[in-house]
C-alpha atoms as a PDB file:
ATOM      1  CA  MET A   1     -45.690  61.259  15.028  1.00  0.00           C
ATOM      2  CA  PHE A   2     -42.441  59.392  15.232  1.00  0.00           C
ATOM      3  CA  ARG A   3     -40.879  62.343  17.117  1.00  0.00           C
ATOM      4  CA  SER A   4     -43.504  62.264  19.857  1.00  0.00           C
ATOM      5  CA  LYS A   5     -43.057  58.514  20.424  1.00  0.00           C
ATOM      6  CA  LYS A   6     -39.333  58.968  20.737  1.00  0.00           C
ATOM      7  CA  THR A   7     -39.794  61.737  23.274  1.00  0.00           C
ATOM      8  CA  LYS A   8     -42.083  59.553  25.365  1.00  0.00           C
ATOM      9  CA  HIS A   9     -39.522  56.778  25.280  1.00  0.00           C
ATOM     10  CA  ASN A  10     -36.803  59.078  26.551  1.00  0.00           C
ATOM     11  CA  ASN A  11     -39.000  60.346  29.365  1.00  0.00           C
ATOM     12  CA  SER A  12     -39.730  56.808  30.386  1.00  0.00           C
ATOM     13  CA  GLU A  13     -36.007  56.017  30.556  1.00  0.00           C
ATOM     14  CA  THR A  14     -35.055  59.043  32.748  1.00  0.00           C
ATOM     15  CA  GLN A  15     -37.966  58.711  35.122  1.00  0.00           C
ATOM     16  CA  PRO A  16     -36.609  55.704  37.067  1.00  0.00           C
ATOM     17  CA  ASP A  17     -33.317  57.556  37.721  1.00  0.00           C
ATOM     18  CA  ALA A  18     -35.134  60.530  39.175  1.00  0.00           C
ATOM     19  CA  GLN A  19     -37.078  58.226  41.456  1.00  0.00           C
ATOM     20  CA  ALA A  20     -33.936  56.344  42.510  1.00  0.00           C
ATOM     21  CA  ALA A  21     -32.080  59.483  43.715  1.00  0.00           C
ATOM     22  CA  PRO A  22     -34.392  60.232  46.662  1.00  0.00           C
ATOM     23  CA  ALA A  23     -34.318  56.594  47.602  1.00  0.00           C
ATOM     24  CA  ALA A  24     -30.515  56.593  47.696  1.00  0.00           C
ATOM     25  CA  GLU A  25     -30.493  59.705  49.845  1.00  0.00           C
ATOM     26  CA  SER A  26     -32.925  58.207  52.303  1.00  0.00           C
ATOM     27  CA  ALA A  27     -30.942  54.968  52.416  1.00  0.00           C
ATOM     28  CA  ALA A  28     -27.629  56.725  53.423  1.00  0.00           C
ATOM     29  CA  PRO A  29     -26.954  56.267  57.156  1.00  0.00           C
ATOM     30  CA  ALA A  30     -26.834  59.376  59.335  1.00  0.00           C
ATOM     31  CA  GLN A  31     -23.332  60.436  60.448  1.00  0.00           C
ATOM     32  CA  PRO A  32     -22.899  60.569  64.231  1.00  0.00           C
ATOM     33  CA  ALA A  33     -22.083  63.982  65.747  1.00  0.00           C
ATOM     34  CA  THR A  34     -18.418  64.555  66.708  1.00  0.00           C
ATOM     35  CA  PRO A  35     -18.072  64.362  70.472  1.00  0.00           C
ATOM     36  CA  PRO A  36     -16.416  67.375  72.204  1.00  0.00           C
ATOM     37  CA  ALA A  37     -12.726  67.124  72.919  1.00  0.00           C
ATOM     38  CA  ALA A  38     -12.025  65.702  76.304  1.00  0.00           C
ATOM     39  CA  ALA A  39     -10.261  68.005  78.812  1.00  0.00           C
ATOM     40  CA  ALA A  40      -6.509  67.343  79.212  1.00  0.00           C
ATOM     41  CA  PRO A  41      -5.772  65.400  82.343  1.00  0.00           C
ATOM     42  CA  PRO A  42      -3.817  67.302  85.039  1.00  0.00           C
ATOM     43  CA  PRO A  43      -0.046  66.684  85.046  1.00  0.00           C
ATOM     44  CA  PRO A  44       1.049  64.046  87.448  1.00  0.00           C
ATOM     45  CA  SER A  45       2.356  65.483  90.690  1.00  0.00           C
ATOM     46  CA  LEU A  46       6.053  64.903  91.460  1.00  0.00           C
ATOM     47  CA  PRO A  47       7.271  63.659  94.775  1.00  0.00           C
ATOM     48  CA  PRO A  48       8.787  66.324  97.063  1.00  0.00           C
ATOM     49  CA  ALA A  49      12.257  64.832  96.744  1.00  0.00           C
ATOM     50  CA  GLU A  50      12.131  65.161  92.961  1.00  0.00           C
ATOM     51  CA  ILE A  51      10.934  68.768  93.239  1.00  0.00           C
ATOM     52  CA  GLU A  52      13.811  69.656  95.568  1.00  0.00           C
ATOM     53  CA  LYS A  53      16.242  68.013  93.173  1.00  0.00           C
ATOM     54  CA  LEU A  54      14.924  70.087  90.261  1.00  0.00           C
ATOM     55  CA  LYS A  55      15.200  73.268  92.336  1.00  0.00           C
ATOM     56  CA  ALA A  56      18.805  72.467  93.206  1.00  0.00           C
ATOM     57  CA  GLU A  57      19.641  71.784  89.565  1.00  0.00           C
ATOM     58  CA  ALA A  58      17.994  75.071  88.499  1.00  0.00           C
ATOM     59  CA  ALA A  59      19.990  76.984  91.124  1.00  0.00           C
ATOM     60  CA  GLN A  60      23.196  75.314  89.975  1.00  0.00           C
ATOM     61  CA  ALA A  61      22.420  76.161  86.346  1.00  0.00           C
ATOM     62  CA  ALA A  62      21.823  79.807  87.294  1.00  0.00           C
ATOM     63  CA  GLU A  63      25.126  79.839  89.176  1.00  0.00           C
ATOM     64  CA  TRP A  64      27.028  78.447  86.210  1.00  0.00           C
ATOM     65  CA  LYS A  65      25.340  80.950  83.917  1.00  0.00           C
ATOM     66  CA  ASP A  66      26.442  83.799  86.185  1.00  0.00           C
ATOM     67  CA  LYS A  67      30.008  82.450  86.212  1.00  0.00           C
ATOM     68  CA  CYS A  68      30.011  82.234  82.420  1.00  0.00           C
ATOM     69  CA  LEU A  69      28.801  85.823  82.120  1.00  0.00           C
ATOM     70  CA  ARG A  70      31.448  87.030  84.574  1.00  0.00           C
ATOM     71  CA  THR A  71      34.160  85.126  82.743  1.00  0.00           C
ATOM     72  CA  ALA A  72      33.063  86.619  79.429  1.00  0.00           C
ATOM     73  CA  ALA A  73      33.085  90.120  80.957  1.00  0.00           C
ATOM     74  CA  ASP A  74      36.553  89.573  82.457  1.00  0.00           C
ATOM     75  CA  PHE A  75      37.882  88.343  79.135  1.00  0.00           C
ATOM     76  CA  ASP A  76      36.403  91.355  77.343  1.00  0.00           C
ATOM     77  CA  ASN A  77      38.052  93.693  79.867  1.00  0.00           C
ATOM     78  CA  PHE A  78      41.348  91.856  79.445  1.00  0.00           C
ATOM     79  CA  ARG A  79      41.115  92.157  75.678  1.00  0.00           C
ATOM     80  CA  LYS A  80      40.452  95.905  75.898  1.00  0.00           C
ATOM     81  CA  ARG A  81      43.270  96.401  78.413  1.00  0.00           C
ATOM     82  CA  ALA A  82      45.708  94.447  76.255  1.00  0.00           C
ATOM     83  CA  ALA A  83      44.791  96.533  73.214  1.00  0.00           C
ATOM     84  CA  ARG A  84      45.231  99.736  75.210  1.00  0.00           C
ATOM     85  CA  GLU A  85      48.600  98.622  76.576  1.00  0.00           C
ATOM     86  CA  LYS A  86      49.716  97.716  73.078  1.00  0.00           C
ATOM     87  CA  ILE A  87      48.860 101.201  71.849  1.00  0.00           C
ATOM     88  CA  GLU A  88      50.651 102.817  74.804  1.00  0.00           C
ATOM     89  CA  THR A  89      53.701 100.608  74.332  1.00  0.00           C
ATOM     90  CA  SER A  90      53.910 101.592  70.696  1.00  0.00           C
ATOM     91  CA  LYS A  91      53.297 105.237  71.573  1.00  0.00           C
ATOM     92  CA  TYR A  92      55.961 105.482  74.276  1.00  0.00           C
ATOM     93  CA  ALA A  93      58.464 102.935  72.964  1.00  0.00           C
ATOM     94  CA  THR A  94      61.053 105.665  72.282  1.00  0.00           C
ATOM     95  CA  GLN A  95      60.569 107.495  75.588  1.00  0.00           C
ATOM     96  CA  GLN A  96      63.804 106.289  77.168  1.00  0.00           C
ATOM     97  CA  LEU A  97      65.852 106.990  74.047  1.00  0.00           C
ATOM     98  CA  LEU A  98      64.422 110.483  73.686  1.00  0.00           C
ATOM     99  CA  GLY A  99      65.083 111.207  77.346  1.00  0.00           C
ATOM    100  CA  ARG A 100      68.747 110.357  76.876  1.00  0.00           C
ATOM    101  CA  LEU A 101      68.911 112.612  73.836  1.00  0.00           C
ATOM    102  CA  LEU A 102      67.785 115.730  75.708  1.00  0.00           C
ATOM    103  CA  PRO A 103      71.137 116.505  77.453  1.00  0.00           C
ATOM    104  CA  THR A 104      72.870 116.437  74.078  1.00  0.00           C
ATOM    105  CA  ILE A 105      70.406 119.009  72.781  1.00  0.00           C
ATOM    106  CA  ASP A 106      71.030 121.108  75.897  1.00  0.00           C
ATOM    107  CA  ASN A 107      74.766 121.111  75.182  1.00  0.00           C
ATOM    108  CA  PHE A 108      74.234 122.142  71.564  1.00  0.00           C
ATOM    109  CA  GLU A 109      71.962 125.010  72.611  1.00  0.00           C
ATOM    110  CA  ALA A 110      74.413 126.171  75.292  1.00  0.00           C
ATOM    111  CA  ALA A 111      77.307 126.113  72.828  1.00  0.00           C
ATOM    112  CA  LEU A 112      75.392 128.201  70.302  1.00  0.00           C
ATOM    113  CA  GLN A 113      74.247 130.612  72.984  1.00  0.00           C
ATOM    114  CA  HIS A 114      77.808 131.393  74.046  1.00  0.00           C
ATOM    115  CA  ALA A 115      79.302 131.385  70.555  1.00  0.00           C
ATOM    116  CA  ASP A 116      80.316 134.778  69.173  1.00  0.00           C
ATOM    117  CA  PRO A 117      80.488 134.716  65.366  1.00  0.00           C
ATOM    118  CA  ALA A 118      81.946 138.228  65.197  1.00  0.00           C
ATOM    119  CA  ALA A 119      84.985 137.262  67.268  1.00  0.00           C
ATOM    120  CA  GLY A 120      85.952 134.225  65.210  1.00  0.00           C
ATOM    121  CA  SER A 121      87.311 133.444  61.805  1.00  0.00           C
ATOM    122  CA  ALA A 122      85.545 131.933  58.840  1.00  0.00           C
ATOM    123  CA  ALA A 123      86.323 128.469  60.196  1.00  0.00           C
ATOM    124  CA  VAL A 124      84.621 129.322  63.481  1.00  0.00           C
ATOM    125  CA  GLN A 125      81.598 130.652  61.613  1.00  0.00           C
ATOM    126  CA  SER A 126      81.440 127.446  59.590  1.00  0.00           C
ATOM    127  CA  LEU A 127      81.546 125.425  62.810  1.00  0.00           C
ATOM    128  CA  ILE A 128      78.707 127.496  64.261  1.00  0.00           C
ATOM    129  CA  ASP A 129      76.630 126.976  61.140  1.00  0.00           C
ATOM    130  CA  GLY A 130      77.225 123.236  61.407  1.00  0.00           C
ATOM    131  CA  LEU A 131      76.087 123.246  65.030  1.00  0.00           C
ATOM    132  CA  LYS A 132      72.935 125.127  64.101  1.00  0.00           C
ATOM    133  CA  MET A 133      72.153 122.663  61.337  1.00  0.00           C
ATOM    134  CA  THR A 134      72.706 119.681  63.627  1.00  0.00           C
ATOM    135  CA  LEU A 135      70.536 121.214  66.337  1.00  0.00           C
ATOM    136  CA  SER A 136      67.785 121.905  63.819  1.00  0.00           C
ATOM    137  CA  GLN A 137      67.849 118.271  62.729  1.00  0.00           C
ATOM    138  CA  LEU A 138      67.629 117.107  66.338  1.00  0.00           C
ATOM    139  CA  HIS A 139      64.620 119.347  66.924  1.00  0.00           C
ATOM    140  CA  SER A 140      63.026 117.905  63.792  1.00  0.00           C
ATOM    141  CA  VAL A 141      63.557 114.373  65.119  1.00  0.00           C
ATOM    142  CA  LEU A 142      61.852 115.322  68.383  1.00  0.00           C
ATOM    143  CA  ARG A 143      58.882 116.862  66.600  1.00  0.00           C
ATOM    144  CA  ASP A 144      58.441 113.818  64.370  1.00  0.00           C
ATOM    145  CA  ALA A 145      58.461 111.604  67.469  1.00  0.00           C
ATOM    146  CA  GLY A 146      55.703 113.682  69.077  1.00  0.00           C
ATOM    147  CA  VAL A 147      57.906 115.544  71.562  1.00  0.00           C
ATOM    148  CA  GLU A 148      56.832 119.046  72.583  1.00  0.00           C
ATOM    149  CA  VAL A 149      58.807 121.730  74.401  1.00  0.00           C
ATOM    150  CA  VAL A 150      57.506 122.906  77.777  1.00  0.00           C
ATOM    151  CA  ASN A 151      58.167 126.650  77.859  1.00  0.00           C
ATOM    152  CA  ALA A 152      57.666 127.993  81.375  1.00  0.00           C
ATOM    153  CA  GLU A 153      58.929 131.552  80.932  1.00  0.00           C
ATOM    154  CA  GLY A 154      56.256 133.969  82.180  1.00  0.00           C
ATOM    155  CA  GLN A 155      53.846 131.158  83.050  1.00  0.00           C
ATOM    156  CA  HIS A 156      52.296 130.446  86.393  1.00  0.00           C
ATOM    157  CA  PHE A 157      54.193 127.765  88.265  1.00  0.00           C
ATOM    158  CA  ASP A 158      52.756 124.314  87.608  1.00  0.00           C
ATOM    159  CA  PRO A 159      54.250 121.511  89.717  1.00  0.00           C
ATOM    160  CA  GLN A 160      53.104 118.995  87.094  1.00  0.00           C
ATOM    161  CA  LEU A 161      55.319 120.613  84.430  1.00  0.00           C
ATOM    162  CA  HIS A 162      57.863 122.739  86.283  1.00  0.00           C
ATOM    163  CA  GLU A 163      60.591 122.122  88.845  1.00  0.00           C
ATOM    164  CA  ALA A 164      61.359 125.124  91.055  1.00  0.00           C
ATOM    165  CA  VAL A 165      64.989 125.348  92.138  1.00  0.00           C
ATOM    166  CA  GLN A 166      64.697 128.786  93.705  1.00  0.00           C
ATOM    167  CA  HIS A 167      62.056 131.183  95.056  1.00  0.00           C
ATOM    168  CA  ILE A 168      62.953 134.865  95.149  1.00  0.00           C
ATOM    169  CA  GLU A 169      61.130 138.074  95.992  1.00  0.00           C
ATOM    170  CA  SER A 170      60.179 140.303  93.073  1.00  0.00           C
ATOM    171  CA  ASP A 171      58.402 143.618  92.765  1.00  0.00           C
ATOM    172  CA  ALA A 172      57.660 143.040  89.072  1.00  0.00           C
ATOM    173  CA  HIS A 173      56.238 139.507  89.298  1.00  0.00           C
ATOM    174  CA  PRO A 174      53.350 138.288  91.432  1.00  0.00           C
ATOM    175  CA  ALA A 175      53.769 135.316  93.703  1.00  0.00           C
ATOM    176  CA  GLY A 176      53.828 131.988  91.868  1.00  0.00           C
ATOM    177  CA  LYS A 177      54.998 133.475  88.559  1.00  0.00           C
ATOM    178  CA  VAL A 178      57.975 131.935  86.756  1.00  0.00           C
ATOM    179  CA  ILE A 179      60.691 134.582  86.568  1.00  0.00           C
ATOM    180  CA  GLN A 180      63.365 132.620  84.731  1.00  0.00           C
ATOM    181  CA  GLN A 181      63.627 129.295  82.951  1.00  0.00           C
ATOM    182  CA  LEU A 182      66.982 127.647  83.519  1.00  0.00           C
ATOM    183  CA  ARG A 183      66.346 124.546  81.434  1.00  0.00           C
ATOM    184  CA  LYS A 184      63.648 123.600  78.951  1.00  0.00           C
ATOM    185  CA  GLY A 185      61.128 120.912  79.703  1.00  0.00           C
ATOM    186  CA  TYR A 186      59.870 118.295  77.269  1.00  0.00           C
ATOM    187  CA  LYS A 187      56.843 116.042  77.097  1.00  0.00           C
ATOM    188  CA  LEU A 188      55.945 113.131  74.834  1.00  0.00           C
ATOM    189  CA  SER A 189      52.262 113.411  73.940  1.00  0.00           C
ATOM    190  CA  ASP A 190      50.628 113.555  77.374  1.00  0.00           C
ATOM    191  CA  ARG A 191      53.599 112.131  79.311  1.00  0.00           C
ATOM    192  CA  LEU A 192      56.271 114.388  80.808  1.00  0.00           C
ATOM    193  CA  LEU A 193      59.815 113.538  79.754  1.00  0.00           C
ATOM    194  CA  ARG A 194      61.502 116.216  81.813  1.00  0.00           C
ATOM    195  CA  PRO A 195      60.149 119.155  83.817  1.00  0.00           C
ATOM    196  CA  ALA A 196      61.290 122.668  83.082  1.00  0.00           C
ATOM    197  CA  THR A 197      63.745 123.973  85.678  1.00  0.00           C
ATOM    198  CA  VAL A 198      62.602 127.429  86.808  1.00  0.00           C
ATOM    199  CA  VAL A 199      62.974 130.256  89.287  1.00  0.00           C
ATOM    200  CA  VAL A 200      59.678 131.292  90.879  1.00  0.00           C
ATOM    201  CA  SER A 201      58.656 134.627  92.348  1.00  0.00           C
ATOM    202  CA  LYS A 202      57.600 134.915  95.966  1.00  0.00           C
ATOM    203  CA  GLY A 203      55.958 138.249  95.297  1.00  0.00           C
ATOM    204  CA  GLN A 204      56.802 141.636  96.746  1.00  0.00           C
ATOM    205  CA  PRO A 205      59.055 141.659  99.784  1.00  0.00           C
ATOM    206  CA  GLU A 206      57.315 142.201 103.067  1.00  0.00           C
ATOM    207  CA  PRO A 207      57.859 145.651 104.568  1.00  0.00           C
ATOM    208  CA  ALA A 208      60.445 145.715 107.311  1.00  0.00           C
ATOM    209  CA  GLN A 209      58.891 145.921 110.733  1.00  0.00           C
ATOM    210  CA  THR A 210      60.460 148.647 112.904  1.00  0.00           C
ATOM    211  CA  ALA A 211      60.618 148.125 116.623  1.00  0.00           C
ATOM    212  CA  PRO A 212      58.566 150.630 118.647  1.00  0.00           C
ATOM    213  CA  ALA A 213      60.642 153.457 120.164  1.00  0.00           C
ATOM    214  CA  GLU A 214      61.215 153.229 123.873  1.00  0.00           C
ATOM    215  CA  LYS A 215      59.606 155.907 125.964  1.00  0.00           C
ATOM    216  CA  PRO A 216      62.091 158.213 127.747  1.00  0.00           C
ATOM    217  CA  ALA A 217      62.262 157.839 131.482  1.00  0.00           C
ATOM    218  CA  ASP A 218      60.302 160.349 133.580  1.00  0.00           C
ATOM    219  CA  ALA A 219      62.633 163.283 134.374  1.00  0.00           C
ATOM    220  CA  SER A 220      60.915 164.062 137.648  1.00  0.00           C
ATOM    221  CA  ALA A 221      61.284 160.476 138.730  1.00  0.00           C
ATOM    222  CA  ALA A 222      64.934 160.559 137.766  1.00  0.00           C
ATOM    223  CA  THR A 223      65.660 163.733 139.806  1.00  0.00           C
ATOM    224  CA  GLN A 224      63.515 162.821 142.793  1.00  0.00           C
ATOM    225  CA  PRO A 225      65.813 162.327 145.803  1.00  0.00           C
ATOM    226  CA  SER A 226      65.791 159.038 147.497  1.00  0.00           C
ATOM    227  CA  THR A 227      63.968 158.870 150.864  1.00  0.00           C
ATOM    228  CA  THR A 228      66.401 156.358 152.262  1.00  0.00           C
END
């Protein structure tokens, strides 16, 4: 019995709250609908003088940009050219010195070519051996410096590498063939230090042209008496 009275008391307490909730909802004011966003107004038009000024400034900016790009390209080309010249200067720094050394090597080679070890004494043979050793060292210096010998013997004449001092007829060599090399040529990498001095063939001699034989005079005309 006491439990049922307590339950009724609780129901009577919660009932006003349930009735107050709908009243609160009905009392809340209605929210107004959000109006649509207004369209952006058109940009204000500039006066013609201002437009022409902006065009001139844009053209000037484009001109300065082009000048900057050209200057950057010129500087890049200069930098590459300077680097290339530096490499070439280092590569060919000894060209003049090596060129002056070549006649000395020529003299050593000529001396050894005309030396006759069999006709000399032991002292002469020792001198020849010393010349050979010195010449070998000079050749080693040239090789270490990047110098190469231009051998023209038996090659076709090349005006970029050879210097012809004589052209002779030859039955054994076609025209343009190097018959004899008088002096070696040398080049440093791809640069010629000295051309090879050579004798070049002109080919087979042309057959001698014989003059046609004169016809003998007519005998009857020679013996015919004169009518005068």
